PDB file of all heavy atoms in Angstrom:
ATOM      1  N   PRO A   1       2.628   9.292 -23.191  1.00  0.00           N
ATOM      2  CA  PRO A   1       3.142   9.304 -21.828  1.00  0.00           C
ATOM      3  C   PRO A   1       2.163   9.720 -20.761  1.00  0.00           C
ATOM      4  O   PRO A   1       2.115   9.209 -19.677  1.00  0.00           O
ATOM      5  CB  PRO A   1       4.341  10.327 -21.906  1.00  0.00           C
ATOM      6  CG  PRO A   1       4.680  10.339 -23.377  1.00  0.00           C
ATOM      7  CD  PRO A   1       3.427  10.150 -24.159  1.00  0.00           C
ATOM      8  N   ILE A   2       1.266  10.690 -21.162  1.00  0.00           N
ATOM      9  CA  ILE A   2       0.297  11.125 -20.163  1.00  0.00           C
ATOM     10  C   ILE A   2      -0.610   9.997 -19.741  1.00  0.00           C
ATOM     11  O   ILE A   2      -1.029   9.886 -18.551  1.00  0.00           O
ATOM     12  CB  ILE A   2      -0.482  12.323 -20.689  1.00  0.00           C
ATOM     13  CG1 ILE A   2       0.443  13.469 -21.103  1.00  0.00           C
ATOM     14  CG2 ILE A   2      -1.510  12.847 -19.642  1.00  0.00           C
ATOM     15  CD1 ILE A   2      -0.194  14.673 -21.709  1.00  0.00           C
ATOM     16  N   ALA A   3      -1.055   9.195 -20.721  1.00  0.00           N
ATOM     17  CA  ALA A   3      -1.956   8.119 -20.394  1.00  0.00           C
ATOM     18  C   ALA A   3      -1.281   7.094 -19.482  1.00  0.00           C
ATOM     19  O   ALA A   3      -1.932   6.615 -18.563  1.00  0.00           O
ATOM     20  CB  ALA A   3      -2.424   7.475 -21.745  1.00  0.00           C
ATOM     21  N   SER A   4      -0.009   6.750 -19.750  1.00  0.00           N
ATOM     22  CA  SER A   4       0.587   5.724 -18.908  1.00  0.00           C
ATOM     23  C   SER A   4       0.817   6.266 -17.513  1.00  0.00           C
ATOM     24  O   SER A   4       0.742   5.526 -16.573  1.00  0.00           O
ATOM     25  CB  SER A   4       1.984   5.366 -19.499  1.00  0.00           C
ATOM     26  OG  SER A   4       2.814   6.493 -19.722  1.00  0.00           O
ATOM     27  N   ASP A   5       1.086   7.566 -17.377  1.00  0.00           N
ATOM     28  CA  ASP A   5       1.276   8.092 -16.004  1.00  0.00           C
ATOM     29  C   ASP A   5      -0.069   8.161 -15.282  1.00  0.00           C
ATOM     30  O   ASP A   5      -0.086   7.908 -14.066  1.00  0.00           O
ATOM     31  CB  ASP A   5       1.867   9.549 -16.114  1.00  0.00           C
ATOM     32  CG  ASP A   5       3.269   9.498 -16.716  1.00  0.00           C
ATOM     33  OD1 ASP A   5       3.890   8.418 -16.664  1.00  0.00           O
ATOM     34  OD2 ASP A   5       3.767  10.541 -17.201  1.00  0.00           O
ATOM     35  N   ALA A   6      -1.115   8.470 -15.960  1.00  0.00           N
ATOM     36  CA  ALA A   6      -2.425   8.699 -15.283  1.00  0.00           C
ATOM     37  C   ALA A   6      -3.031   7.372 -14.917  1.00  0.00           C
ATOM     38  O   ALA A   6      -3.795   7.301 -13.881  1.00  0.00           O
ATOM     39  CB  ALA A   6      -3.420   9.486 -16.159  1.00  0.00           C
ATOM     40  N   PHE A   7      -2.798   6.300 -15.619  1.00  0.00           N
ATOM     41  CA  PHE A   7      -3.461   5.048 -15.366  1.00  0.00           C
ATOM     42  C   PHE A   7      -2.468   3.955 -15.004  1.00  0.00           C
ATOM     43  O   PHE A   7      -2.817   2.714 -15.111  1.00  0.00           O
ATOM     44  CB  PHE A   7      -4.275   4.660 -16.645  1.00  0.00           C
ATOM     45  CG  PHE A   7      -5.425   5.510 -16.921  1.00  0.00           C
ATOM     46  CD1 PHE A   7      -5.333   6.587 -17.754  1.00  0.00           C
ATOM     47  CD2 PHE A   7      -6.646   5.282 -16.280  1.00  0.00           C
ATOM     48  CE1 PHE A   7      -6.420   7.408 -17.950  1.00  0.00           C
ATOM     49  CE2 PHE A   7      -7.734   6.088 -16.506  1.00  0.00           C
ATOM     50  CZ  PHE A   7      -7.596   7.187 -17.350  1.00  0.00           C
ATOM     51  N   SER A   8      -1.326   4.277 -14.531  1.00  0.00           N
ATOM     52  CA  SER A   8      -0.364   3.284 -13.968  1.00  0.00           C
ATOM     53  C   SER A   8      -0.475   3.445 -12.429  1.00  0.00           C
ATOM     54  O   SER A   8      -0.343   4.508 -11.882  1.00  0.00           O
ATOM     55  CB  SER A   8       1.026   3.483 -14.390  1.00  0.00           C
ATOM     56  OG  SER A   8       1.219   3.303 -15.776  1.00  0.00           O
ATOM     57  N   ILE A   9      -0.727   2.310 -11.775  1.00  0.00           N
ATOM     58  CA  ILE A   9      -0.946   2.371 -10.341  1.00  0.00           C
ATOM     59  C   ILE A   9       0.037   1.379  -9.667  1.00  0.00           C
ATOM     60  O   ILE A   9       0.320   0.292 -10.140  1.00  0.00           O
ATOM     61  CB  ILE A   9      -2.389   1.829 -10.010  1.00  0.00           C
ATOM     62  CG1 ILE A   9      -3.385   2.850 -10.655  1.00  0.00           C
ATOM     63  CG2 ILE A   9      -2.594   1.753  -8.506  1.00  0.00           C
ATOM     64  CD1 ILE A   9      -4.819   2.382 -10.423  1.00  0.00           C
ATOM     65  N   THR A  10       0.624   1.891  -8.569  1.00  0.00           N
ATOM     66  CA  THR A  10       1.480   1.046  -7.747  1.00  0.00           C
ATOM     67  C   THR A  10       0.916   0.871  -6.367  1.00  0.00           C
ATOM     68  O   THR A  10       0.550   1.918  -5.727  1.00  0.00           O
ATOM     69  CB  THR A  10       2.935   1.753  -7.609  1.00  0.00           C
ATOM     70  OG1 THR A  10       3.481   1.884  -8.976  1.00  0.00           O
ATOM     71  CG2 THR A  10       3.849   0.895  -6.806  1.00  0.00           C
ATOM     72  N   LEU A  11       0.739  -0.325  -5.889  1.00  0.00           N
ATOM     73  CA  LEU A  11       0.141  -0.631  -4.630  1.00  0.00           C
ATOM     74  C   LEU A  11       1.079  -1.407  -3.793  1.00  0.00           C
ATOM     75  O   LEU A  11       1.909  -2.128  -4.283  1.00  0.00           O
ATOM     76  CB  LEU A  11      -1.108  -1.461  -4.842  1.00  0.00           C
ATOM     77  CG  LEU A  11      -2.265  -0.960  -5.728  1.00  0.00           C
ATOM     78  CD1 LEU A  11      -3.307  -1.949  -5.919  1.00  0.00           C
ATOM     79  CD2 LEU A  11      -2.775   0.355  -5.159  1.00  0.00           C
ATOM     80  N   THR A  12       0.963  -1.215  -2.497  1.00  0.00           N
ATOM     81  CA  THR A  12       1.673  -2.046  -1.462  1.00  0.00           C
ATOM     82  C   THR A  12       0.566  -2.699  -0.553  1.00  0.00           C
ATOM     83  O   THR A  12      -0.163  -1.988   0.111  1.00  0.00           O
ATOM     84  CB  THR A  12       2.623  -1.214  -0.621  1.00  0.00           C
ATOM     85  OG1 THR A  12       3.596  -0.633  -1.443  1.00  0.00           O
ATOM     86  CG2 THR A  12       3.327  -2.060   0.374  1.00  0.00           C
ATOM     87  N   VAL A  13       0.494  -4.021  -0.600  1.00  0.00           N
ATOM     88  CA  VAL A  13      -0.520  -4.726   0.182  1.00  0.00           C
ATOM     89  C   VAL A  13       0.208  -5.524   1.214  1.00  0.00           C
ATOM     90  O   VAL A  13       0.972  -6.432   0.957  1.00  0.00           O
ATOM     91  CB  VAL A  13      -1.369  -5.628  -0.828  1.00  0.00           C
ATOM     92  CG1 VAL A  13      -2.459  -6.278  -0.014  1.00  0.00           C
ATOM     93  CG2 VAL A  13      -1.862  -4.857  -1.983  1.00  0.00           C
ATOM     94  N   ASP A  14      -0.198  -5.270   2.504  1.00  0.00           N
ATOM     95  CA  ASP A  14       0.298  -5.991   3.673  1.00  0.00           C
ATOM     96  C   ASP A  14      -0.866  -6.869   4.224  1.00  0.00           C
ATOM     97  O   ASP A  14      -1.994  -6.525   4.093  1.00  0.00           O
ATOM     98  CB  ASP A  14       0.857  -5.082   4.775  1.00  0.00           C
ATOM     99  CG  ASP A  14       2.071  -4.326   4.284  1.00  0.00           C
ATOM    100  OD1 ASP A  14       2.777  -4.849   3.377  1.00  0.00           O
ATOM    101  OD2 ASP A  14       2.324  -3.244   4.841  1.00  0.00           O
ATOM    102  N   ARG A  15      -0.443  -7.948   4.871  1.00  0.00           N
ATOM    103  CA  ARG A  15      -1.447  -8.772   5.537  1.00  0.00           C
ATOM    104  C   ARG A  15      -1.694  -8.135   6.894  1.00  0.00           C
ATOM    105  O   ARG A  15      -0.963  -8.379   7.885  1.00  0.00           O
ATOM    106  CB  ARG A  15      -0.984 -10.209   5.644  1.00  0.00           C
ATOM    107  CG  ARG A  15      -2.065 -11.203   6.108  1.00  0.00           C
ATOM    108  CD  ARG A  15      -1.700 -12.581   5.880  1.00  0.00           C
ATOM    109  NE  ARG A  15      -0.672 -13.003   6.864  1.00  0.00           N
ATOM    110  CZ  ARG A  15      -0.062 -14.172   6.780  1.00  0.00           C
ATOM    111  NH1 ARG A  15      -0.364 -15.019   5.866  1.00  0.00           N
ATOM    112  NH2 ARG A  15       0.926 -14.513   7.707  1.00  0.00           N
ATOM    113  N   GLN A  16      -2.747  -7.377   7.034  1.00  0.00           N
ATOM    114  CA  GLN A  16      -3.000  -6.603   8.215  1.00  0.00           C
ATOM    115  C   GLN A  16      -3.161  -7.409   9.442  1.00  0.00           C
ATOM    116  O   GLN A  16      -2.810  -7.013  10.569  1.00  0.00           O
ATOM    117  CB  GLN A  16      -4.211  -5.692   7.998  1.00  0.00           C
ATOM    118  CG  GLN A  16      -4.174  -4.692   6.854  1.00  0.00           C
ATOM    119  CD  GLN A  16      -3.023  -3.666   7.128  1.00  0.00           C
ATOM    120  OE1 GLN A  16      -2.795  -3.320   8.261  1.00  0.00           O
ATOM    121  NE2 GLN A  16      -2.347  -3.158   6.073  1.00  0.00           N
ATOM    122  N   SER A  17      -3.735  -8.599   9.277  1.00  0.00           N
ATOM    123  CA  SER A  17      -3.909  -9.443  10.448  1.00  0.00           C
ATOM    124  C   SER A  17      -2.637  -9.910  11.117  1.00  0.00           C
ATOM    125  O   SER A  17      -2.645 -10.339  12.279  1.00  0.00           O
ATOM    126  CB  SER A  17      -4.752 -10.664  10.088  1.00  0.00           C
ATOM    127  OG  SER A  17      -4.090 -11.455   9.109  1.00  0.00           O
ATOM    128  N   SER A  18      -1.530  -9.833  10.369  1.00  0.00           N
ATOM    129  CA  SER A  18      -0.261 -10.263  10.929  1.00  0.00           C
ATOM    130  C   SER A  18       0.582  -9.170  11.564  1.00  0.00           C
ATOM    131  O   SER A  18       1.518  -9.420  12.253  1.00  0.00           O
ATOM    132  CB  SER A  18       0.580 -10.957   9.827  1.00  0.00           C
ATOM    133  OG  SER A  18      -0.087 -12.030   9.307  1.00  0.00           O
ATOM    134  N   ILE A  19       0.236  -7.902  11.256  1.00  0.00           N
ATOM    135  CA  ILE A  19       0.996  -6.777  11.798  1.00  0.00           C
ATOM    136  C   ILE A  19       0.710  -6.577  13.241  1.00  0.00           C
ATOM    137  O   ILE A  19      -0.430  -6.609  13.689  1.00  0.00           O
ATOM    138  CB  ILE A  19       0.620  -5.484  11.023  1.00  0.00           C
ATOM    139  CG1 ILE A  19       0.846  -5.585   9.535  1.00  0.00           C
ATOM    140  CG2 ILE A  19       1.322  -4.275  11.619  1.00  0.00           C
ATOM    141  CD1 ILE A  19       0.544  -4.422   8.750  1.00  0.00           C
ATOM    142  N   PRO A  20       1.698  -6.570  14.097  1.00  0.00           N
ATOM    143  CA  PRO A  20       1.534  -6.411  15.545  1.00  0.00           C
ATOM    144  C   PRO A  20       0.810  -5.122  15.880  1.00  0.00           C
ATOM    145  O   PRO A  20       0.851  -4.129  15.194  1.00  0.00           O
ATOM    146  CB  PRO A  20       2.959  -6.466  16.070  1.00  0.00           C
ATOM    147  CG  PRO A  20       3.825  -7.067  15.010  1.00  0.00           C
ATOM    148  CD  PRO A  20       3.183  -6.669  13.732  1.00  0.00           C
ATOM    149  N   GLN A  21       0.148  -5.230  17.026  1.00  0.00           N
ATOM    150  CA  GLN A  21      -0.615  -4.056  17.484  1.00  0.00           C
ATOM    151  C   GLN A  21       0.239  -2.842  17.772  1.00  0.00           C
ATOM    152  O   GLN A  21      -0.125  -1.674  17.473  1.00  0.00           O
ATOM    153  CB  GLN A  21      -1.395  -4.381  18.786  1.00  0.00           C
ATOM    154  CG  GLN A  21      -2.441  -3.402  19.240  1.00  0.00           C
ATOM    155  CD  GLN A  21      -3.597  -3.326  18.347  1.00  0.00           C
ATOM    156  OE1 GLN A  21      -3.695  -2.471  17.473  1.00  0.00           O
ATOM    157  NE2 GLN A  21      -4.503  -4.232  18.477  1.00  0.00           N
ATOM    158  N   ARG A  22       1.448  -3.073  18.263  1.00  0.00           N
ATOM    159  CA  ARG A  22       2.331  -1.916  18.532  1.00  0.00           C
ATOM    160  C   ARG A  22       2.748  -1.170  17.325  1.00  0.00           C
ATOM    161  O   ARG A  22       2.984   0.057  17.359  1.00  0.00           O
ATOM    162  CB  ARG A  22       3.614  -2.463  19.252  1.00  0.00           C
ATOM    163  CG  ARG A  22       4.451  -3.449  18.440  1.00  0.00           C
ATOM    164  CD  ARG A  22       5.590  -3.996  19.189  1.00  0.00           C
ATOM    165  NE  ARG A  22       6.421  -4.970  18.466  1.00  0.00           N
ATOM    166  CZ  ARG A  22       6.114  -6.233  18.393  1.00  0.00           C
ATOM    167  NH1 ARG A  22       5.029  -6.747  18.979  1.00  0.00           N
ATOM    168  NH2 ARG A  22       6.888  -7.087  17.684  1.00  0.00           N
ATOM    169  N   CYS A  23       2.743  -1.847  16.148  1.00  0.00           N
ATOM    170  CA  CYS A  23       2.993  -1.136  14.872  1.00  0.00           C
ATOM    171  C   CYS A  23       1.849  -0.305  14.401  1.00  0.00           C
ATOM    172  O   CYS A  23       2.050   0.747  13.811  1.00  0.00           O
ATOM    173  CB  CYS A  23       3.437  -2.161  13.775  1.00  0.00           C
ATOM    174  SG  CYS A  23       4.920  -3.116  14.183  1.00  0.00           S
ATOM    175  N   HIS A  24       0.651  -0.723  14.719  1.00  0.00           N
ATOM    176  CA  HIS A  24      -0.512   0.035  14.394  1.00  0.00           C
ATOM    177  C   HIS A  24      -0.626   1.395  15.151  1.00  0.00           C
ATOM    178  O   HIS A  24      -0.955   2.449  14.605  1.00  0.00           O
ATOM    179  CB  HIS A  24      -1.779  -0.748  14.580  1.00  0.00           C
ATOM    180  CG  HIS A  24      -1.983  -1.838  13.504  1.00  0.00           C
ATOM    181  ND1 HIS A  24      -2.217  -1.578  12.201  1.00  0.00           N
ATOM    182  CD2 HIS A  24      -1.940  -3.207  13.604  1.00  0.00           C
ATOM    183  CE1 HIS A  24      -2.367  -2.674  11.512  1.00  0.00           C
ATOM    184  NE2 HIS A  24      -2.233  -3.695  12.317  1.00  0.00           N
ATOM    185  N   VAL A  25      -0.236   1.304  16.443  1.00  0.00           N
ATOM    186  CA  VAL A  25      -0.497   2.457  17.287  1.00  0.00           C
ATOM    187  C   VAL A  25       0.766   3.218  17.566  1.00  0.00           C
ATOM    188  O   VAL A  25       0.752   4.169  18.393  1.00  0.00           O
ATOM    189  CB  VAL A  25      -1.082   1.931  18.666  1.00  0.00           C
ATOM    190  CG1 VAL A  25      -2.406   1.237  18.483  1.00  0.00           C
ATOM    191  CG2 VAL A  25      -0.108   1.078  19.431  1.00  0.00           C
ATOM    192  N   ARG A  26       1.833   2.915  16.872  1.00  0.00           N
ATOM    193  CA  ARG A  26       3.166   3.465  17.197  1.00  0.00           C
ATOM    194  C   ARG A  26       3.141   4.977  17.022  1.00  0.00           C
ATOM    195  O   ARG A  26       3.605   5.747  17.885  1.00  0.00           O
ATOM    196  CB  ARG A  26       4.276   2.854  16.343  1.00  0.00           C
ATOM    197  CG  ARG A  26       5.663   3.357  16.634  1.00  0.00           C
ATOM    198  CD  ARG A  26       6.630   2.890  15.542  1.00  0.00           C
ATOM    199  NE  ARG A  26       6.227   3.424  14.267  1.00  0.00           N
ATOM    200  CZ  ARG A  26       6.499   4.666  13.884  1.00  0.00           C
ATOM    201  NH1 ARG A  26       7.127   5.562  14.722  1.00  0.00           N
ATOM    202  NH2 ARG A  26       6.108   5.086  12.734  1.00  0.00           N
TER     203      ARG A  26
END
């Protein structure tokens, strides 16, 4: 279990070029 916890990765990838400017500076 320790190995699976240490080397399991969850990522969230957004297309930054599509995010409006107001969301970046909010």
